[in-house]
Protein backbone atom coordinates (compact mmCIF):
# COMPACT_ATOMS: atom_id res chain seq x y z
CA MET A 1 19.98 16.08 76.83
CA ALA A 2 22.65 16.37 79.51
CA TYR A 3 25.73 18.43 78.73
CA THR A 4 29.17 17.00 79.50
CA VAL A 5 31.68 19.13 81.38
CA LEU A 6 35.42 18.41 81.60
CA ILE A 7 37.11 19.42 84.86
CA ALA A 8 40.89 19.53 84.40
CA ASP A 9 42.62 20.34 87.70
CA ASP A 10 45.41 18.67 89.65
CA GLU A 11 43.64 19.41 92.95
CA LYS A 12 41.34 16.50 93.77
CA GLU A 13 39.31 18.60 96.22
CA ILE A 14 38.50 21.15 93.51
CA ARG A 15 37.40 18.43 91.09
CA GLU A 16 35.20 16.76 93.71
CA LEU A 17 33.58 20.06 94.72
CA LEU A 18 32.77 21.03 91.14
CA ARG A 19 31.54 17.53 90.32
CA LEU A 20 29.15 17.65 93.26
CA TYR A 21 27.55 20.89 92.11
CA LEU A 22 27.57 20.01 88.41
CA GLU A 23 25.92 16.62 88.87
CA LYS A 24 23.35 18.21 91.15
CA ASP A 25 22.42 20.48 88.23
CA GLY A 26 22.14 17.52 85.86
CA TYR A 27 25.48 17.73 84.06
CA GLN A 28 27.65 14.75 83.16
CA VAL A 29 31.23 15.14 84.38
CA VAL A 30 34.60 13.81 83.30
CA GLU A 31 37.81 14.59 85.18
CA ALA A 32 41.48 15.02 84.33
CA GLU A 33 44.26 15.54 86.84
CA ASP A 34 46.75 16.93 84.33
CA GLY A 35 46.85 18.58 80.92
CA ILE A 36 47.86 15.50 78.96
CA GLN A 37 44.94 13.51 80.35
CA ALA A 38 42.63 16.42 79.57
CA VAL A 39 43.69 16.44 75.90
CA LYS A 40 43.14 12.68 75.64
CA LEU A 41 39.63 13.02 77.07
CA LEU A 42 38.86 15.85 74.67
CA GLU A 43 39.89 13.60 71.77
CA LYS A 44 37.83 10.62 72.94
CA LYS A 45 34.66 12.20 74.35
CA GLU A 46 32.18 14.82 73.24
CA ILE A 47 32.81 17.65 75.68
CA ASP A 48 30.40 20.59 75.84
CA LEU A 49 32.35 22.85 78.23
CA ALA A 50 35.86 22.67 79.68
CA LEU A 51 37.06 23.97 83.05
CA LEU A 52 40.85 24.26 82.91
CA ASP A 53 43.26 24.95 85.74
CA ILE A 54 46.31 26.92 84.57
CA MET A 55 48.97 25.29 86.75
CA MET A 56 48.79 21.60 85.82
CA PRO A 57 51.59 19.05 85.29
CA GLY A 58 52.34 17.71 81.81
CA MET A 59 50.58 20.52 79.94
CA ASP A 60 49.31 23.68 81.58
CA GLY A 61 45.84 25.12 81.03
CA TYR A 62 47.03 27.58 78.41
CA GLN A 63 48.53 24.77 76.31
CA VAL A 64 45.35 22.70 76.62
CA LEU A 65 43.29 25.74 75.64
CA LYS A 66 45.40 26.25 72.51
CA ARG A 67 44.88 22.58 71.56
CA ILE A 68 41.12 22.96 72.03
CA ARG A 69 40.98 26.05 69.84
CA GLU A 70 42.74 24.26 67.00
CA ASN A 71 39.50 22.43 66.14
CA SER A 72 36.74 23.39 68.57
CA ASN A 73 34.89 26.48 69.78
CA ILE A 74 33.27 24.93 72.88
CA PRO A 75 33.04 27.21 75.94
CA VAL A 76 36.23 27.15 78.02
CA MET A 77 36.57 28.57 81.53
CA ILE A 78 39.95 29.09 83.17
CA LEU A 79 40.33 28.20 86.87
CA SER A 80 43.44 29.45 88.59
CA ALA A 81 44.95 30.81 91.78
CA LYS A 82 46.62 33.36 89.54
CA ASN A 83 44.47 36.47 89.71
CA GLN A 84 46.62 39.11 88.08
CA ASP A 85 45.16 40.91 85.09
CA VAL A 86 47.97 39.70 82.82
CA ASP A 87 46.98 36.06 83.45
CA LYS A 88 43.33 36.76 82.74
CA ILE A 89 44.16 38.68 79.58
CA LEU A 90 46.42 35.88 78.31
CA GLY A 91 43.68 33.29 78.88
CA LEU A 92 41.07 35.41 77.10
CA ASP A 93 43.47 36.19 74.24
CA LEU A 94 44.04 32.47 73.74
CA GLY A 95 40.30 31.93 73.39
CA ALA A 96 38.92 31.39 76.91
CA ASP A 97 35.31 32.45 77.42
CA ASP A 98 35.48 33.13 81.15
CA TYR A 99 37.88 33.20 84.11
CA LEU A 100 37.44 32.21 87.76
CA SER A 101 40.08 32.98 90.37
CA LYS A 102 40.63 30.53 93.23
CA PRO A 103 39.27 30.37 95.80
CA PHE A 104 35.84 30.74 94.20
CA ASN A 105 32.26 30.49 95.40
CA PRO A 106 30.85 27.25 93.91
CA LEU A 107 27.44 28.90 93.44
CA GLU A 108 29.06 31.68 91.42
CA ALA A 109 30.98 29.06 89.43
CA MET A 110 27.72 27.26 88.61
CA ALA A 111 26.03 30.50 87.60
CA ARG A 112 28.89 31.26 85.21
CA ILE A 113 28.91 27.70 83.83
CA ASN A 114 25.15 27.77 83.23
CA SER A 115 25.45 31.18 81.58
CA ASN A 116 28.21 30.05 79.21
CA ILE A 117 26.35 26.85 78.31
CA ARG A 118 23.10 28.65 77.64
CA ARG A 119 24.66 31.50 75.69
CA PHE A 120 26.70 29.16 73.48
CA TYR A 121 24.16 26.44 72.73
CA SER A 122 21.10 28.67 72.48
CA LEU A 123 22.85 30.30 69.52
CA GLY A 124 23.28 26.90 67.89
CA ALA A 125 27.04 27.40 67.75
CA LYS A 126 27.68 23.69 67.94
CA GLY A 127 24.58 22.56 66.14
CA LYS A 128 23.38 20.72 69.23
CA GLU A 129 19.82 21.88 68.76
CA ILE A 130 17.26 19.52 70.22
CA LYS A 131 14.18 19.11 68.03
CA GLU A 132 12.01 17.37 70.61
CA LEU A 133 11.85 17.23 74.40
CA LYS A 134 9.87 14.63 76.35
CA VAL A 135 8.91 14.56 80.02
CA LYS A 136 6.30 12.11 81.29
CA ASP A 137 3.44 12.29 78.74
CA LEU A 138 4.44 15.77 77.54
CA ARG A 139 6.22 16.45 74.25
CA LEU A 140 7.73 19.78 73.20
CA ASP A 141 8.44 20.43 69.52
CA THR A 142 11.20 23.08 69.40
CA GLU A 143 10.76 23.74 65.68
CA ALA A 144 7.01 24.31 65.87
CA CYS A 145 7.25 25.91 69.34
CA ALA A 146 4.40 23.69 70.49
CA VAL A 147 3.70 21.50 73.51
CA TYR A 148 1.58 18.36 73.39
CA LYS A 149 0.09 16.12 76.05
CA ASN A 150 -0.60 12.64 74.69
CA ASP A 151 -0.52 14.18 71.19
CA THR A 152 -3.09 16.82 72.13
CA LEU A 153 -1.86 20.36 71.53
CA ILE A 154 -1.78 22.57 74.63
CA ASP A 155 -2.58 26.21 73.92
CA LEU A 156 0.25 28.25 75.47
CA THR A 157 1.23 31.90 75.38
CA SER A 158 4.78 32.77 74.29
CA VAL A 159 5.78 33.34 77.92
CA GLU A 160 4.29 30.01 79.00
CA TYR A 161 6.06 28.23 76.13
CA ARG A 162 9.48 29.66 77.06
CA ILE A 163 9.03 28.64 80.69
CA MET A 164 7.83 25.16 79.69
CA ARG A 165 10.85 24.72 77.46
CA MET A 166 13.13 25.76 80.33
CA PHE A 167 11.45 23.21 82.61
CA MET A 168 11.47 20.40 80.04
CA GLU A 169 15.12 20.94 79.16
CA ASN A 170 15.97 20.52 82.85
CA PRO A 171 13.48 18.12 84.51
CA GLY A 172 14.14 17.77 88.23
CA LYS A 173 16.04 21.06 88.43
CA VAL A 174 14.76 23.84 90.72
CA PHE A 175 14.40 27.29 89.15
CA THR A 176 14.00 30.49 91.15
CA LYS A 177 11.30 33.06 90.37
CA GLN A 178 14.02 35.34 89.03
CA GLN A 179 15.30 32.71 86.58
CA LEU A 180 11.78 31.92 85.37
CA PHE A 181 10.86 35.58 84.98
CA GLU A 182 14.00 36.47 83.03
CA GLU A 183 13.54 33.45 80.74
CA GLY A 184 9.80 33.92 80.22
CA TRP A 185 9.61 37.68 79.88
CA GLY A 186 13.15 38.36 78.67
CA GLU A 187 13.56 41.18 81.16
CA GLU A 188 15.62 41.72 84.28
CA TYR A 189 13.82 40.66 87.44
CA ILE A 190 13.90 43.72 89.69
CA VAL A 191 10.74 43.88 91.79
CA ALA A 192 9.11 40.75 93.20
CA ASP A 193 5.49 40.44 92.07
CA ASN A 194 2.98 37.65 91.45
CA SER A 195 3.58 37.29 87.70
CA ILE A 196 5.38 33.97 88.07
CA MET A 197 2.84 32.61 90.54
CA VAL A 198 -0.01 33.45 88.15
CA CYS A 199 1.85 31.98 85.17
CA ILE A 200 2.63 28.74 87.01
CA SER A 201 -0.99 28.48 88.14
CA LYS A 202 -2.21 28.82 84.54
CA LEU A 203 0.32 26.28 83.30
CA ARG A 204 -0.75 23.77 85.92
CA ALA A 205 -4.39 24.19 84.96
CA LYS A 206 -3.57 23.56 81.30
CA LEU A 207 -1.42 20.52 82.04
CA SER A 208 -3.49 18.65 84.60
CA GLU A 209 -6.36 18.79 87.06
CA GLU A 210 -3.87 17.87 89.78
CA ASN A 211 -2.18 21.06 91.00
CA ASP A 212 1.42 19.85 91.13
CA ALA A 213 1.36 16.75 88.92
CA TYR A 214 3.96 18.32 86.61
CA ILE A 215 5.27 21.51 88.24
CA LYS A 216 6.05 21.28 91.93
CA THR A 217 6.57 24.17 94.32
CA ILE A 218 9.79 23.90 96.32
CA ARG A 219 9.06 26.05 99.34
CA GLY A 220 11.52 28.90 99.79
CA LEU A 221 13.40 28.07 96.58
CA GLY A 222 11.18 28.06 93.50
CA TYR A 223 9.69 25.48 91.13
CA ARG A 224 10.74 22.33 89.33
CA MET A 225 9.27 19.97 86.74
CA GLU A 226 8.81 16.45 88.03
CA LYS A 227 10.73 13.81 86.08
CA GLU A 228 8.24 11.00 86.73
């Protein structure tokens, strides 16, 4: 299930840059060029995370944030050229979850967005828990922690299950060895070893006789689950 991100910023270039990276990672994006438009979108659409610029016409980011917190606890990230501590503190005191100062590295922005999404929704804070995931002829039951292929149960270890869930929640997305290791083993990835390579090899063998029918190696980057 794709998450929807609201980008509220009066700079068109910023919105276009963030949209490019967000859509590449599989997010749905809606845009607002001022605070009033942002509030209207929040009332009409189901937004999963909001990126708010502080200096916007109509209503500034702080005002929009206060409106959000009146009836929602979705993750909110503040984007602003203001980088003084007082501005950051005010945003956090009003209920922001994170703060990015302009200019920002879009890769860092995406890492922070992904982190906020995962932290919030993995805790079930919004009740957006997905009971079943489907990719090709695979089905993952999140309540039973089980993976099936054409209704046949696939025997997986706990590490393999966590990695499969990560893949099936994000088909088509490339994950690095570090991301897979930290998700599968729940530990910080410090020293490169062959743990991931061995795990992927075992998963492939359990899923299909064809080596990369489901999980494809993206040379120099990592691995992804094929959508079709």
